[in-house]
Amino acid sequence: MYHVKAQGKNGHSFYDSSMVDASH
């Protein structure tokens, strides 16, 4: 979900192991 927020919101995305921004 945070990945979608970073990409401009209003959308959906499946989890991928590369999504580490929020964890960072």
mmCIF file of all heavy atoms, coordinates in Angstrom:
data_MODEL
# 
_entry.id   MODEL 
# 
loop_
_atom_site.group_PDB 
_atom_site.id 
_atom_site.type_symbol 
_atom_site.label_atom_id 
_atom_site.label_alt_id 
_atom_site.label_comp_id 
_atom_site.label_asym_id 
_atom_site.label_entity_id 
_atom_site.label_seq_id 
_atom_site.pdbx_PDB_ins_code 
_atom_site.Cartn_x 
_atom_site.Cartn_y 
_atom_site.Cartn_z 
_atom_site.occupancy 
_atom_site.B_iso_or_equiv 
_atom_site.pdbx_formal_charge 
_atom_site.auth_seq_id 
_atom_site.auth_comp_id 
_atom_site.auth_asym_id 
_atom_site.auth_atom_id 
_atom_site.pdbx_PDB_model_num 
ATOM 1   N N   . MET A 1 1  ? 0.829  -1.201 0.000  1.00 0.00 ? 1  MET A N   1 
ATOM 2   C CA  . MET A 1 1  ? 0.000  0.000  0.000  1.00 0.00 ? 1  MET A CA  1 
ATOM 3   C C   . MET A 1 1  ? 0.868  1.257  0.000  1.00 0.00 ? 1  MET A C   1 
ATOM 4   O O   . MET A 1 1  ? 0.598  2.225  -0.737 1.00 0.00 ? 1  MET A O   1 
ATOM 5   C CB  . MET A 1 1  ? -0.924 -0.010 1.226  1.00 0.00 ? 1  MET A CB  1 
ATOM 6   C CG  . MET A 1 1  ? -1.882 1.175  1.309  1.00 0.00 ? 1  MET A CG  1 
ATOM 7   S SD  . MET A 1 1  ? -1.173 2.604  2.159  1.00 0.00 ? 1  MET A SD  1 
ATOM 8   C CE  . MET A 1 1  ? -0.972 1.942  3.807  1.00 0.00 ? 1  MET A CE  1 
ATOM 9   N N   . TYR A 1 2  ? 1.947  1.273  0.810  1.00 0.00 ? 2  TYR A N   1 
ATOM 10  C CA  . TYR A 1 2  ? 2.834  2.432  0.823  1.00 0.00 ? 2  TYR A CA  1 
ATOM 11  C C   . TYR A 1 2  ? 3.533  2.615  -0.526 1.00 0.00 ? 2  TYR A C   1 
ATOM 12  O O   . TYR A 1 2  ? 3.854  3.738  -0.935 1.00 0.00 ? 2  TYR A O   1 
ATOM 13  C CB  . TYR A 1 2  ? 3.866  2.297  1.943  1.00 0.00 ? 2  TYR A CB  1 
ATOM 14  C CG  . TYR A 1 2  ? 3.338  2.756  3.282  1.00 0.00 ? 2  TYR A CG  1 
ATOM 15  C CD1 . TYR A 1 2  ? 3.078  1.844  4.294  1.00 0.00 ? 2  TYR A CD1 1 
ATOM 16  C CD2 . TYR A 1 2  ? 3.096  4.102  3.526  1.00 0.00 ? 2  TYR A CD2 1 
ATOM 17  C CE1 . TYR A 1 2  ? 2.576  2.255  5.523  1.00 0.00 ? 2  TYR A CE1 1 
ATOM 18  C CE2 . TYR A 1 2  ? 2.598  4.536  4.751  1.00 0.00 ? 2  TYR A CE2 1 
ATOM 19  C CZ  . TYR A 1 2  ? 2.343  3.604  5.741  1.00 0.00 ? 2  TYR A CZ  1 
ATOM 20  O OH  . TYR A 1 2  ? 1.846  4.024  6.951  1.00 0.00 ? 2  TYR A OH  1 
ATOM 21  N N   . HIS A 1 3  ? 3.749  1.508  -1.212 1.00 0.00 ? 3  HIS A N   1 
ATOM 22  C CA  . HIS A 1 3  ? 4.339  1.599  -2.549 1.00 0.00 ? 3  HIS A CA  1 
ATOM 23  C C   . HIS A 1 3  ? 3.385  2.342  -3.486 1.00 0.00 ? 3  HIS A C   1 
ATOM 24  O O   . HIS A 1 3  ? 3.822  3.174  -4.292 1.00 0.00 ? 3  HIS A O   1 
ATOM 25  C CB  . HIS A 1 3  ? 4.622  0.184  -3.077 1.00 0.00 ? 3  HIS A CB  1 
ATOM 26  C CG  . HIS A 1 3  ? 5.153  0.169  -4.473 1.00 0.00 ? 3  HIS A CG  1 
ATOM 27  N ND1 . HIS A 1 3  ? 6.444  0.530  -4.789 1.00 0.00 ? 3  HIS A ND1 1 
ATOM 28  C CD2 . HIS A 1 3  ? 4.554  -0.164 -5.662 1.00 0.00 ? 3  HIS A CD2 1 
ATOM 29  C CE1 . HIS A 1 3  ? 6.627  0.424  -6.092 1.00 0.00 ? 3  HIS A CE1 1 
ATOM 30  N NE2 . HIS A 1 3  ? 5.493  -0.004 -6.646 1.00 0.00 ? 3  HIS A NE2 1 
ATOM 31  N N   . VAL A 1 4  ? 2.076  2.040  -3.387 1.00 0.00 ? 4  VAL A N   1 
ATOM 32  C CA  . VAL A 1 4  ? 1.087  2.755  -4.207 1.00 0.00 ? 4  VAL A CA  1 
ATOM 33  C C   . VAL A 1 4  ? 1.073  4.234  -3.847 1.00 0.00 ? 4  VAL A C   1 
ATOM 34  O O   . VAL A 1 4  ? 0.990  5.107  -4.723 1.00 0.00 ? 4  VAL A O   1 
ATOM 35  C CB  . VAL A 1 4  ? -0.311 2.130  -4.019 1.00 0.00 ? 4  VAL A CB  1 
ATOM 36  C CG1 . VAL A 1 4  ? -1.358 2.910  -4.803 1.00 0.00 ? 4  VAL A CG1 1 
ATOM 37  C CG2 . VAL A 1 4  ? -0.311 0.676  -4.458 1.00 0.00 ? 4  VAL A CG2 1 
ATOM 38  N N   . LYS A 1 5  ? 1.151  4.539  -2.548 1.00 0.00 ? 5  LYS A N   1 
ATOM 39  C CA  . LYS A 1 5  ? 1.189  5.945  -2.116 1.00 0.00 ? 5  LYS A CA  1 
ATOM 40  C C   . LYS A 1 5  ? 2.367  6.671  -2.766 1.00 0.00 ? 5  LYS A C   1 
ATOM 41  O O   . LYS A 1 5  ? 2.235  7.803  -3.246 1.00 0.00 ? 5  LYS A O   1 
ATOM 42  C CB  . LYS A 1 5  ? 1.323  6.004  -0.592 1.00 0.00 ? 5  LYS A CB  1 
ATOM 43  C CG  . LYS A 1 5  ? 0.100  5.556  0.181  1.00 0.00 ? 5  LYS A CG  1 
ATOM 44  C CD  . LYS A 1 5  ? -0.942 6.636  0.288  1.00 0.00 ? 5  LYS A CD  1 
ATOM 45  C CE  . LYS A 1 5  ? -2.046 6.251  1.255  1.00 0.00 ? 5  LYS A CE  1 
ATOM 46  N NZ  . LYS A 1 5  ? -3.147 7.239  1.284  1.00 0.00 ? 5  LYS A NZ  1 
ATOM 47  N N   . ALA A 1 6  ? 3.533  6.001  -2.766 1.00 0.00 ? 6  ALA A N   1 
ATOM 48  C CA  . ALA A 1 6  ? 4.731  6.631  -3.318 1.00 0.00 ? 6  ALA A CA  1 
ATOM 49  C C   . ALA A 1 6  ? 4.631  6.817  -4.824 1.00 0.00 ? 6  ALA A C   1 
ATOM 50  O O   . ALA A 1 6  ? 5.256  7.726  -5.387 1.00 0.00 ? 6  ALA A O   1 
ATOM 51  C CB  . ALA A 1 6  ? 5.958  5.785  -2.979 1.00 0.00 ? 6  ALA A CB  1 
ATOM 52  N N   . GLN A 1 7  ? 3.830  5.980  -5.477 1.00 0.00 ? 7  GLN A N   1 
ATOM 53  C CA  . GLN A 1 7  ? 3.690  6.056  -6.931 1.00 0.00 ? 7  GLN A CA  1 
ATOM 54  C C   . GLN A 1 7  ? 2.598  7.026  -7.383 1.00 0.00 ? 7  GLN A C   1 
ATOM 55  O O   . GLN A 1 7  ? 2.309  7.116  -8.565 1.00 0.00 ? 7  GLN A O   1 
ATOM 56  C CB  . GLN A 1 7  ? 3.389  4.662  -7.486 1.00 0.00 ? 7  GLN A CB  1 
ATOM 57  C CG  . GLN A 1 7  ? 4.491  3.641  -7.255 1.00 0.00 ? 7  GLN A CG  1 
ATOM 58  C CD  . GLN A 1 7  ? 5.791  4.037  -7.917 1.00 0.00 ? 7  GLN A CD  1 
ATOM 59  O OE1 . GLN A 1 7  ? 5.812  4.468  -9.066 1.00 0.00 ? 7  GLN A OE1 1 
ATOM 60  N NE2 . GLN A 1 7  ? 6.897  3.904  -7.181 1.00 0.00 ? 7  GLN A NE2 1 
ATOM 61  N N   . GLY A 1 8  ? 1.956  7.712  -6.430 1.00 0.00 ? 8  GLY A N   1 
ATOM 62  C CA  . GLY A 1 8  ? 0.960  8.699  -6.804 1.00 0.00 ? 8  GLY A CA  1 
ATOM 63  C C   . GLY A 1 8  ? -0.446 8.409  -6.341 1.00 0.00 ? 8  GLY A C   1 
ATOM 64  O O   . GLY A 1 8  ? -1.383 9.129  -6.708 1.00 0.00 ? 8  GLY A O   1 
ATOM 65  N N   . LYS A 1 9  ? -0.650 7.334  -5.583 1.00 0.00 ? 9  LYS A N   1 
ATOM 66  C CA  . LYS A 1 9  ? -1.939 6.999  -4.976 1.00 0.00 ? 9  LYS A CA  1 
ATOM 67  C C   . LYS A 1 9  ? -2.952 6.550  -6.039 1.00 0.00 ? 9  LYS A C   1 
ATOM 68  O O   . LYS A 1 9  ? -2.629 6.409  -7.215 1.00 0.00 ? 9  LYS A O   1 
ATOM 69  C CB  . LYS A 1 9  ? -2.494 8.171  -4.159 1.00 0.00 ? 9  LYS A CB  1 
ATOM 70  C CG  . LYS A 1 9  ? -1.538 8.703  -3.108 1.00 0.00 ? 9  LYS A CG  1 
ATOM 71  C CD  . LYS A 1 9  ? -2.104 9.911  -2.379 1.00 0.00 ? 9  LYS A CD  1 
ATOM 72  C CE  . LYS A 1 9  ? -1.110 10.428 -1.362 1.00 0.00 ? 9  LYS A CE  1 
ATOM 73  N NZ  . LYS A 1 9  ? -1.607 11.620 -0.637 1.00 0.00 ? 9  LYS A NZ  1 
ATOM 74  N N   . ASN A 1 10 ? -4.183 6.299  -5.582 1.00 0.00 ? 10 ASN A N   1 
ATOM 75  C CA  . ASN A 1 10 ? -5.314 5.908  -6.429 1.00 0.00 ? 10 ASN A CA  1 
ATOM 76  C C   . ASN A 1 10 ? -4.965 4.720  -7.326 1.00 0.00 ? 10 ASN A C   1 
ATOM 77  O O   . ASN A 1 10 ? -5.007 4.804  -8.555 1.00 0.00 ? 10 ASN A O   1 
ATOM 78  C CB  . ASN A 1 10 ? -5.790 7.085  -7.290 1.00 0.00 ? 10 ASN A CB  1 
ATOM 79  C CG  . ASN A 1 10 ? -7.128 6.778  -7.959 1.00 0.00 ? 10 ASN A CG  1 
ATOM 80  O OD1 . ASN A 1 10 ? -7.894 5.952  -7.481 1.00 0.00 ? 10 ASN A OD1 1 
ATOM 81  N ND2 . ASN A 1 10 ? -7.397 7.439  -9.070 1.00 0.00 ? 10 ASN A ND2 1 
ATOM 82  N N   . GLY A 1 11 ? -4.626 3.616  -6.698 1.00 0.00 ? 11 GLY A N   1 
ATOM 83  C CA  . GLY A 1 11 ? -4.308 2.417  -7.451 1.00 0.00 ? 11 GLY A CA  1 
ATOM 84  C C   . GLY A 1 11 ? -4.107 1.240  -6.523 1.00 0.00 ? 11 GLY A C   1 
ATOM 85  O O   . GLY A 1 11 ? -4.303 1.339  -5.307 1.00 0.00 ? 11 GLY A O   1 
ATOM 86  N N   . HIS A 1 12 ? -3.695 0.113  -7.101 1.00 0.00 ? 12 HIS A N   1 
ATOM 87  C CA  . HIS A 1 12 ? -3.417 -1.065 -6.291 1.00 0.00 ? 12 HIS A CA  1 
ATOM 88  C C   . HIS A 1 12 ? -2.104 -1.690 -6.744 1.00 0.00 ? 12 HIS A C   1 
ATOM 89  O O   . HIS A 1 12 ? -1.668 -1.491 -7.890 1.00 0.00 ? 12 HIS A O   1 
ATOM 90  C CB  . HIS A 1 12 ? -4.555 -2.079 -6.378 1.00 0.00 ? 12 HIS A CB  1 
ATOM 91  C CG  . HIS A 1 12 ? -4.614 -2.821 -7.687 1.00 0.00 ? 12 HIS A CG  1 
ATOM 92  N ND1 . HIS A 1 12 ? -5.302 -2.332 -8.782 1.00 0.00 ? 12 HIS A ND1 1 
ATOM 93  C CD2 . HIS A 1 12 ? -4.056 -4.001 -8.083 1.00 0.00 ? 12 HIS A CD2 1 
ATOM 94  C CE1 . HIS A 1 12 ? -5.189 -3.180 -9.796 1.00 0.00 ? 12 HIS A CE1 1 
ATOM 95  N NE2 . HIS A 1 12 ? -4.433 -4.204 -9.401 1.00 0.00 ? 12 HIS A NE2 1 
ATOM 96  N N   . SER A 1 13 ? -1.498 -2.429 -5.848 1.00 0.00 ? 13 SER A N   1 
ATOM 97  C CA  . SER A 1 13 ? -0.233 -3.073 -6.163 1.00 0.00 ? 13 SER A CA  1 
ATOM 98  C C   . SER A 1 13 ? -0.095 -4.334 -5.336 1.00 0.00 ? 13 SER A C   1 
ATOM 99  O O   . SER A 1 13 ? -0.488 -4.364 -4.158 1.00 0.00 ? 13 SER A O   1 
ATOM 100 C CB  . SER A 1 13 ? 0.940  -2.124 -5.877 1.00 0.00 ? 13 SER A CB  1 
ATOM 101 O OG  . SER A 1 13 ? 2.174  -2.781 -6.102 1.00 0.00 ? 13 SER A OG  1 
ATOM 102 N N   . PHE A 1 14 ? 0.491  -5.384 -5.949 1.00 0.00 ? 14 PHE A N   1 
ATOM 103 C CA  . PHE A 1 14 ? 0.807  -6.604 -5.219 1.00 0.00 ? 14 PHE A CA  1 
ATOM 104 C C   . PHE A 1 14 ? 2.172  -6.459 -4.553 1.00 0.00 ? 14 PHE A C   1 
ATOM 105 O O   . PHE A 1 14 ? 3.059  -5.759 -5.052 1.00 0.00 ? 14 PHE A O   1 
ATOM 106 C CB  . PHE A 1 14 ? 0.812  -7.801 -6.171 1.00 0.00 ? 14 PHE A CB  1 
ATOM 107 C CG  . PHE A 1 14 ? -0.558 -8.222 -6.616 1.00 0.00 ? 14 PHE A CG  1 
ATOM 108 C CD1 . PHE A 1 14 ? -1.138 -7.665 -7.749 1.00 0.00 ? 14 PHE A CD1 1 
ATOM 109 C CD2 . PHE A 1 14 ? -1.261 -9.167 -5.894 1.00 0.00 ? 14 PHE A CD2 1 
ATOM 110 C CE1 . PHE A 1 14 ? -2.409 -8.041 -8.159 1.00 0.00 ? 14 PHE A CE1 1 
ATOM 111 C CE2 . PHE A 1 14 ? -2.530 -9.559 -6.291 1.00 0.00 ? 14 PHE A CE2 1 
ATOM 112 C CZ  . PHE A 1 14 ? -3.109 -8.990 -7.430 1.00 0.00 ? 14 PHE A CZ  1 
ATOM 113 N N   . TYR A 1 15 ? 2.311  -7.131 -3.453 1.00 0.00 ? 15 TYR A N   1 
ATOM 114 C CA  . TYR A 1 15 ? 3.578  -7.080 -2.717 1.00 0.00 ? 15 TYR A CA  1 
ATOM 115 C C   . TYR A 1 15 ? 4.696  -7.692 -3.546 1.00 0.00 ? 15 TYR A C   1 
ATOM 116 O O   . TYR A 1 15 ? 4.517  -8.700 -4.239 1.00 0.00 ? 15 TYR A O   1 
ATOM 117 C CB  . TYR A 1 15 ? 3.454  -7.823 -1.392 1.00 0.00 ? 15 TYR A CB  1 
ATOM 118 C CG  . TYR A 1 15 ? 4.786  -8.055 -0.706 1.00 0.00 ? 15 TYR A CG  1 
ATOM 119 C CD1 . TYR A 1 15 ? 5.440  -7.020 -0.035 1.00 0.00 ? 15 TYR A CD1 1 
ATOM 120 C CD2 . TYR A 1 15 ? 5.400  -9.308 -0.765 1.00 0.00 ? 15 TYR A CD2 1 
ATOM 121 C CE1 . TYR A 1 15 ? 6.667  -7.233 0.562  1.00 0.00 ? 15 TYR A CE1 1 
ATOM 122 C CE2 . TYR A 1 15 ? 6.627  -9.524 -0.159 1.00 0.00 ? 15 TYR A CE2 1 
ATOM 123 C CZ  . TYR A 1 15 ? 7.261  -8.487 0.505  1.00 0.00 ? 15 TYR A CZ  1 
ATOM 124 O OH  . TYR A 1 15 ? 8.482  -8.706 1.105  1.00 0.00 ? 15 TYR A OH  1 
ATOM 125 N N   . ASP A 1 16 ? 5.851  -7.045 -3.440 1.00 0.00 ? 16 ASP A N   1 
ATOM 126 C CA  . ASP A 1 16 ? 7.065  -7.562 -4.059 1.00 0.00 ? 16 ASP A CA  1 
ATOM 127 C C   . ASP A 1 16 ? 8.202  -7.371 -3.072 1.00 0.00 ? 16 ASP A C   1 
ATOM 128 O O   . ASP A 1 16 ? 8.228  -6.385 -2.326 1.00 0.00 ? 16 ASP A O   1 
ATOM 129 C CB  . ASP A 1 16 ? 7.353  -6.822 -5.375 1.00 0.00 ? 16 ASP A CB  1 
ATOM 130 C CG  . ASP A 1 16 ? 8.538  -7.433 -6.106 1.00 0.00 ? 16 ASP A CG  1 
ATOM 131 O OD1 . ASP A 1 16 ? 9.679  -7.003 -5.842 1.00 0.00 ? 16 ASP A OD1 1 
ATOM 132 O OD2 . ASP A 1 16 ? 8.313  -8.352 -6.916 1.00 0.00 ? 16 ASP A OD2 1 
ATOM 133 N N   . SER A 1 17 ? 9.146  -8.283 -3.063 1.00 0.00 ? 17 SER A N   1 
ATOM 134 C CA  . SER A 1 17 ? 10.230 -8.222 -2.073 1.00 0.00 ? 17 SER A CA  1 
ATOM 135 C C   . SER A 1 17 ? 11.083 -6.968 -2.212 1.00 0.00 ? 17 SER A C   1 
ATOM 136 O O   . SER A 1 17 ? 11.836 -6.617 -1.295 1.00 0.00 ? 17 SER A O   1 
ATOM 137 C CB  . SER A 1 17 ? 11.113 -9.473 -2.193 1.00 0.00 ? 17 SER A CB  1 
ATOM 138 O OG  . SER A 1 17 ? 11.642 -9.585 -3.507 1.00 0.00 ? 17 SER A OG  1 
ATOM 139 N N   . SER A 1 18 ? 10.995 -6.300 -3.360 1.00 0.00 ? 18 SER A N   1 
ATOM 140 C CA  . SER A 1 18 ? 11.792 -5.081 -3.549 1.00 0.00 ? 18 SER A CA  1 
ATOM 141 C C   . SER A 1 18 ? 11.192 -3.865 -2.857 1.00 0.00 ? 18 SER A C   1 
ATOM 142 O O   . SER A 1 18 ? 11.822 -2.808 -2.792 1.00 0.00 ? 18 SER A O   1 
ATOM 143 C CB  . SER A 1 18 ? 11.935 -4.798 -5.047 1.00 0.00 ? 18 SER A CB  1 
ATOM 144 O OG  . SER A 1 18 ? 10.659 -4.552 -5.624 1.00 0.00 ? 18 SER A OG  1 
ATOM 145 N N   . MET A 1 19 ? 9.996  -4.027 -2.340 1.00 0.00 ? 19 MET A N   1 
ATOM 146 C CA  . MET A 1 19 ? 9.335  -2.887 -1.679 1.00 0.00 ? 19 MET A CA  1 
ATOM 147 C C   . MET A 1 19 ? 9.868  -2.747 -0.257 1.00 0.00 ? 19 MET A C   1 
ATOM 148 O O   . MET A 1 19 ? 9.355  -3.349 0.679  1.00 0.00 ? 19 MET A O   1 
ATOM 149 C CB  . MET A 1 19 ? 7.821  -3.095 -1.654 1.00 0.00 ? 19 MET A CB  1 
ATOM 150 C CG  . MET A 1 19 ? 7.187  -3.181 -3.021 1.00 0.00 ? 19 MET A CG  1 
ATOM 151 S SD  . MET A 1 19 ? 5.423  -3.578 -2.890 1.00 0.00 ? 19 MET A SD  1 
ATOM 152 C CE  . MET A 1 19 ? 4.952  -3.615 -4.609 1.00 0.00 ? 19 MET A CE  1 
ATOM 153 N N   . VAL A 1 20 ? 10.902 -1.962 -0.105 1.00 0.00 ? 20 VAL A N   1 
ATOM 154 C CA  . VAL A 1 20 ? 11.526 -1.846 1.209  1.00 0.00 ? 20 VAL A CA  1 
ATOM 155 C C   . VAL A 1 20 ? 11.515 -0.405 1.720  1.00 0.00 ? 20 VAL A C   1 
ATOM 156 O O   . VAL A 1 20 ? 12.102 -0.109 2.759  1.00 0.00 ? 20 VAL A O   1 
ATOM 157 C CB  . VAL A 1 20 ? 12.983 -2.363 1.158  1.00 0.00 ? 20 VAL A CB  1 
ATOM 158 C CG1 . VAL A 1 20 ? 13.014 -3.847 0.872  1.00 0.00 ? 20 VAL A CG1 1 
ATOM 159 C CG2 . VAL A 1 20 ? 13.780 -1.588 0.101  1.00 0.00 ? 20 VAL A CG2 1 
ATOM 160 N N   . ASP A 1 21 ? 10.887 0.500  0.983  1.00 0.00 ? 21 ASP A N   1 
ATOM 161 C CA  . ASP A 1 21 ? 10.925 1.907  1.390  1.00 0.00 ? 21 ASP A CA  1 
ATOM 162 C C   . ASP A 1 21 ? 10.303 2.116  2.763  1.00 0.00 ? 21 ASP A C   1 
ATOM 163 O O   . ASP A 1 21 ? 10.872 2.804  3.624  1.00 0.00 ? 21 ASP A O   1 
ATOM 164 C CB  . ASP A 1 21 ? 10.188 2.770  0.359  1.00 0.00 ? 21 ASP A CB  1 
ATOM 165 C CG  . ASP A 1 21 ? 10.955 2.829  -0.951 1.00 0.00 ? 21 ASP A CG  1 
ATOM 166 O OD1 . ASP A 1 21 ? 12.149 2.483  -0.929 1.00 0.00 ? 21 ASP A OD1 1 
ATOM 167 O OD2 . ASP A 1 21 ? 10.356 3.203  -1.970 1.00 0.00 ? 21 ASP A OD2 1 
ATOM 168 N N   . ALA A 1 22 ? 9.109  1.523  2.952  1.00 0.00 ? 22 ALA A N   1 
ATOM 169 C CA  . ALA A 1 22 ? 8.433  1.703  4.239  1.00 0.00 ? 22 ALA A CA  1 
ATOM 170 C C   . ALA A 1 22 ? 9.233  1.071  5.365  1.00 0.00 ? 22 ALA A C   1 
ATOM 171 O O   . ALA A 1 22 ? 9.351  1.630  6.465  1.00 0.00 ? 22 ALA A O   1 
ATOM 172 C CB  . ALA A 1 22 ? 7.039  1.095  4.184  1.00 0.00 ? 22 ALA A CB  1 
ATOM 173 N N   . SER A 1 23 ? 9.811  -0.109 5.103  1.00 0.00 ? 23 SER A N   1 
ATOM 174 C CA  . SER A 1 23 ? 10.613 -0.771 6.135  1.00 0.00 ? 23 SER A CA  1 
ATOM 175 C C   . SER A 1 23 ? 11.843 0.064  6.466  1.00 0.00 ? 23 SER A C   1 
ATOM 176 O O   . SER A 1 23 ? 12.242 0.169  7.634  1.00 0.00 ? 23 SER A O   1 
ATOM 177 C CB  . SER A 1 23 ? 11.040 -2.165 5.655  1.00 0.00 ? 23 SER A CB  1 
ATOM 178 O OG  . SER A 1 23 ? 9.934  -2.991 5.483  1.00 0.00 ? 23 SER A OG  1 
ATOM 179 N N   . HIS A 1 24 ? 12.444 0.645  5.416  1.00 0.00 ? 24 HIS A N   1 
ATOM 180 C CA  . HIS A 1 24 ? 13.611 1.486  5.656  1.00 0.00 ? 24 HIS A CA  1 
ATOM 181 C C   . HIS A 1 24 ? 13.248 2.692  6.521  1.00 0.00 ? 24 HIS A C   1 
ATOM 182 O O   . HIS A 1 24 ? 14.005 3.097  7.410  1.00 0.00 ? 24 HIS A O   1 
ATOM 183 C CB  . HIS A 1 24 ? 14.191 1.948  4.318  1.00 0.00 ? 24 HIS A CB  1 
ATOM 184 C CG  . HIS A 1 24 ? 15.339 2.888  4.453  1.00 0.00 ? 24 HIS A CG  1 
ATOM 185 N ND1 . HIS A 1 24 ? 16.579 2.501  4.927  1.00 0.00 ? 24 HIS A ND1 1 
ATOM 186 C CD2 . HIS A 1 24 ? 15.424 4.231  4.205  1.00 0.00 ? 24 HIS A CD2 1 
ATOM 187 C CE1 . HIS A 1 24 ? 17.385 3.547  4.960  1.00 0.00 ? 24 HIS A CE1 1 
ATOM 188 N NE2 . HIS A 1 24 ? 16.708 4.607  4.521  1.00 0.00 ? 24 HIS A NE2 1 
# 
